[in-house]
Amino acid sequence: TVATGFGRGAVLFARNTANEIECHARGARFMFGPNVKTVIDMGGHTTKVIKFNEYGKITDLFVNDRCATGMGRGVELLARLLHVQIQDMGDLSLKVKEDPEPVSTTCYAFANTEAVGMLRGGSKQEEILASYLFAVAYRLYTLAGRMKVEKDVAFTGGVAKNSGVVKRLERELGMTALTSKYDPQLAGAIGAALLSGSQVKKSQ
């Protein structure tokens, strides 16, 4: 058993621990195939942009700054605030005829405050969702823009399951993300399992 992620030290029954960057990289290449060149991992608290060369070696890495933490967590909080099932948020946000101006794209705490202001101001549910998820997508776009994103891009993490974020991020990037039969939220766990398997083979 291999533990990964920020809480890996708390998994006392795990035989080994593994760095989440390596796990996400390994998991993404397994899930999306060897052609993937860039992975944007959209987690609850961090965003990671990982680039590979043609041999699958990590050549560049960017992790978001402190002000961007909690983007996935912010989406969860908004779902509770609006009494919307989190799995329905993306599709509801895409029902607007045109995207409204995004809420704050620099700080998720400010974004949440502005979303509450829209709610109090009488904005429709889908308008609030569109504005908020557009802000998340644009923030991810600006983070990814700090390195050249290759066209063979894949999205992982829980936020990658939100169609409202995915469609808007694809629009901003001007490219369509690769798809996989695997749940994008499992990329890190799949990578950890692959690393564990490699360790077992070596020990044998």
Protein backbone atom coordinates (compact mmCIF):
# COMPACT_ATOMS: atom_id res chain seq x y z
CA THR A 1 0.00 0.00 0.00
CA VAL A 2 1.33 3.40 -1.03
CA ALA A 3 -0.01 6.69 0.34
CA THR A 4 0.23 9.95 -1.59
CA GLY A 5 -1.06 13.51 -1.36
CA PHE A 6 -0.84 16.04 1.47
CA GLY A 7 -2.17 13.54 4.01
CA ARG A 8 0.16 10.69 3.10
CA GLY A 9 1.99 10.90 6.42
CA ALA A 10 -1.26 10.20 8.28
CA VAL A 11 -1.90 6.86 6.53
CA LEU A 12 -0.24 4.74 9.17
CA PHE A 13 -0.94 1.37 7.55
CA ALA A 14 0.78 2.35 4.26
CA ARG A 15 4.06 0.56 3.64
CA ASN A 16 5.43 3.43 1.55
CA THR A 17 4.67 7.02 0.59
CA ALA A 18 5.02 8.66 -2.80
CA ASN A 19 5.26 12.25 -3.99
CA GLU A 20 1.95 13.38 -5.52
CA ILE A 21 3.67 15.03 -8.50
CA GLU A 22 5.19 11.75 -9.62
CA CYS A 23 1.93 9.93 -8.93
CA HIS A 24 -0.16 12.35 -10.98
CA ALA A 25 2.33 12.22 -13.83
CA ARG A 26 2.42 8.43 -13.88
CA GLY A 27 -1.35 8.14 -13.50
CA ALA A 28 -2.09 10.66 -16.26
CA ARG A 29 0.14 8.91 -18.80
CA PHE A 30 -1.57 5.61 -17.97
CA MET A 31 -5.05 7.13 -18.25
CA PHE A 32 -4.58 9.25 -21.36
CA GLY A 33 -1.83 7.38 -23.19
CA PRO A 34 1.76 8.18 -24.14
CA ASN A 35 0.80 11.10 -26.39
CA VAL A 36 -0.16 13.36 -23.48
CA LYS A 37 2.27 16.28 -23.29
CA THR A 38 0.68 18.51 -20.63
CA VAL A 39 -1.41 17.64 -17.59
CA ILE A 40 -3.42 20.24 -15.70
CA ASP A 41 -4.40 18.78 -12.35
CA MET A 42 -7.30 20.68 -10.79
CA GLY A 43 -7.55 19.67 -7.17
CA GLY A 44 -9.47 20.91 -4.20
CA HIS A 45 -6.56 22.92 -2.83
CA THR A 46 -3.87 23.04 -5.51
CA THR A 47 -3.43 23.16 -9.25
CA LYS A 48 -0.45 21.51 -10.89
CA VAL A 49 0.65 21.91 -14.51
CA ILE A 50 3.02 19.11 -15.56
CA LYS A 51 4.81 18.87 -18.92
CA PHE A 52 6.41 15.76 -20.42
CA ASN A 53 8.83 15.11 -23.21
CA GLU A 54 8.28 12.35 -25.78
CA TYR A 55 9.82 9.81 -23.40
CA GLY A 56 7.42 10.59 -20.57
CA LYS A 57 9.97 12.43 -18.44
CA ILE A 58 8.77 15.50 -16.55
CA THR A 59 10.41 18.55 -18.12
CA ASP A 60 8.52 21.37 -16.43
CA LEU A 61 6.26 21.80 -13.42
CA PHE A 62 4.19 24.62 -12.02
CA VAL A 63 2.15 24.64 -8.81
CA ASN A 64 -0.26 27.48 -8.12
CA ASP A 65 0.51 30.30 -5.76
CA ARG A 66 -1.18 30.62 -2.38
CA CYS A 67 -4.04 32.86 -3.55
CA ALA A 68 -5.29 30.19 -5.93
CA THR A 69 -5.60 27.48 -3.30
CA GLY A 70 -8.98 26.02 -2.57
CA MET A 71 -10.49 26.43 -6.04
CA GLY A 72 -12.08 23.00 -5.91
CA ARG A 73 -13.07 23.62 -2.33
CA GLY A 74 -14.66 26.90 -3.41
CA VAL A 75 -16.77 25.07 -5.99
CA GLU A 76 -17.99 22.71 -3.25
CA LEU A 77 -18.93 25.64 -1.03
CA LEU A 78 -20.83 27.33 -3.85
CA ALA A 79 -22.79 24.15 -4.52
CA ARG A 80 -23.91 24.10 -0.90
CA LEU A 81 -24.74 27.80 -0.95
CA LEU A 82 -26.94 27.47 -4.02
CA HIS A 83 -28.37 24.07 -2.96
CA VAL A 84 -27.16 22.52 -6.21
CA GLN A 85 -25.76 19.01 -6.59
CA ILE A 86 -22.08 19.44 -7.38
CA GLN A 87 -22.32 17.03 -10.32
CA ASP A 88 -25.04 19.24 -11.88
CA MET A 89 -23.22 22.59 -11.57
CA GLY A 90 -21.33 22.43 -14.85
CA ASP A 91 -24.28 21.64 -17.09
CA LEU A 92 -26.46 24.26 -15.36
CA SER A 93 -23.78 26.91 -15.90
CA LEU A 94 -23.71 26.16 -19.62
CA LYS A 95 -27.40 27.06 -20.01
CA VAL A 96 -26.66 30.80 -20.14
CA LYS A 97 -26.83 32.38 -23.61
CA GLU A 98 -23.58 34.23 -22.99
CA ASP A 99 -21.06 34.04 -20.16
CA PRO A 100 -21.40 36.93 -17.71
CA GLU A 101 -18.32 38.71 -16.43
CA PRO A 102 -16.41 36.35 -14.12
CA VAL A 103 -16.19 36.95 -10.40
CA SER A 104 -12.71 37.53 -8.95
CA THR A 105 -10.05 35.53 -10.77
CA THR A 106 -7.28 36.32 -8.27
CA CYS A 107 -8.62 34.97 -4.98
CA TYR A 108 -11.23 32.29 -4.35
CA ALA A 109 -12.31 34.01 -1.10
CA PHE A 110 -13.11 37.18 -3.05
CA ALA A 111 -14.82 35.05 -5.71
CA ASN A 112 -17.07 33.47 -3.08
CA THR A 113 -17.95 36.90 -1.66
CA GLU A 114 -18.86 38.22 -5.10
CA ALA A 115 -20.98 35.13 -5.78
CA VAL A 116 -22.91 35.78 -2.56
CA GLY A 117 -23.39 39.37 -3.73
CA MET A 118 -24.85 38.13 -7.02
CA LEU A 119 -27.23 35.85 -5.12
CA ARG A 120 -28.41 38.72 -2.92
CA GLY A 121 -28.76 40.91 -5.99
CA GLY A 122 -31.25 38.51 -7.56
CA SER A 123 -29.06 36.91 -10.24
CA LYS A 124 -30.31 33.63 -11.65
CA GLN A 125 -28.74 30.41 -10.44
CA GLU A 126 -27.21 29.58 -13.81
CA GLU A 127 -25.76 33.10 -14.09
CA ILE A 128 -24.01 32.81 -10.74
CA LEU A 129 -22.65 29.39 -11.67
CA ALA A 130 -21.48 30.62 -15.08
CA SER A 131 -19.73 33.63 -13.57
CA TYR A 132 -18.06 31.56 -10.87
CA LEU A 133 -16.97 28.64 -13.04
CA PHE A 134 -15.74 31.04 -15.72
CA ALA A 135 -13.53 32.61 -13.05
CA VAL A 136 -12.17 29.19 -12.05
CA ALA A 137 -11.48 28.31 -15.69
CA TYR A 138 -9.79 31.63 -16.38
CA ARG A 139 -7.65 31.30 -13.29
CA LEU A 140 -6.55 27.85 -14.46
CA TYR A 141 -5.86 29.29 -17.90
CA THR A 142 -3.60 32.02 -16.52
CA LEU A 143 -1.76 29.50 -14.36
CA ALA A 144 -1.26 27.14 -17.31
CA GLY A 145 -0.20 30.09 -19.44
CA ARG A 146 2.97 30.45 -17.40
CA MET A 147 4.30 27.55 -19.44
CA LYS A 148 3.52 26.64 -23.05
CA VAL A 149 0.65 24.16 -23.03
CA GLU A 150 1.02 21.46 -25.69
CA LYS A 151 -2.09 20.56 -27.68
CA ASP A 152 -2.12 17.02 -26.28
CA VAL A 153 -3.39 18.25 -22.92
CA ALA A 154 -5.25 16.27 -20.26
CA PHE A 155 -7.23 17.47 -17.24
CA THR A 156 -7.19 15.57 -13.95
CA GLY A 157 -8.51 16.16 -10.45
CA GLY A 158 -12.00 16.59 -9.09
CA VAL A 159 -12.62 19.90 -10.88
CA ALA A 160 -11.95 18.12 -14.19
CA LYS A 161 -15.34 16.43 -13.68
CA ASN A 162 -17.07 19.82 -13.89
CA SER A 163 -18.18 20.41 -17.49
CA GLY A 164 -18.64 24.13 -16.86
CA VAL A 165 -14.97 24.53 -15.99
CA VAL A 166 -13.71 22.10 -18.64
CA LYS A 167 -15.60 23.66 -21.57
CA ARG A 168 -14.52 27.17 -20.60
CA LEU A 169 -10.91 26.18 -20.04
CA GLU A 170 -10.83 24.44 -23.42
CA ARG A 171 -12.24 27.60 -24.98
CA GLU A 172 -9.59 29.81 -23.38
CA LEU A 173 -6.77 27.43 -24.33
CA GLY A 174 -8.12 27.04 -27.86
CA MET A 175 -7.82 23.26 -27.72
CA THR A 176 -9.80 20.16 -26.77
CA ALA A 177 -8.54 18.05 -23.90
CA LEU A 178 -7.84 14.35 -24.23
CA THR A 179 -10.46 12.01 -22.79
CA SER A 180 -10.15 8.81 -20.80
CA LYS A 181 -12.42 6.03 -19.60
CA TYR A 182 -10.98 6.55 -16.11
CA ASP A 183 -12.29 8.95 -13.48
CA PRO A 184 -9.97 12.01 -13.62
CA GLN A 185 -10.13 12.31 -9.85
CA LEU A 186 -8.27 9.00 -9.52
CA ALA A 187 -5.11 10.02 -11.39
CA GLY A 188 -2.97 10.33 -8.26
CA ALA A 189 -4.21 7.04 -6.81
CA ILE A 190 -3.67 5.22 -10.10
CA GLY A 191 -0.15 6.62 -10.29
CA ALA A 192 0.55 5.50 -6.71
CA ALA A 193 -0.71 2.00 -7.54
CA LEU A 194 1.57 1.85 -10.60
CA LEU A 195 4.55 2.97 -8.52
CA SER A 196 3.69 0.38 -5.90
CA GLY A 197 3.52 -2.31 -8.59
CA SER A 198 6.93 -1.30 -9.88
CA GLN A 199 8.39 -1.51 -6.39
CA VAL A 200 6.93 -4.99 -5.89
CA LYS A 201 8.43 -6.21 -9.17
CA LYS A 202 11.83 -4.82 -8.24
CA SER A 203 11.72 -6.51 -4.83
CA GLN A 204 10.92 -9.85 -6.50
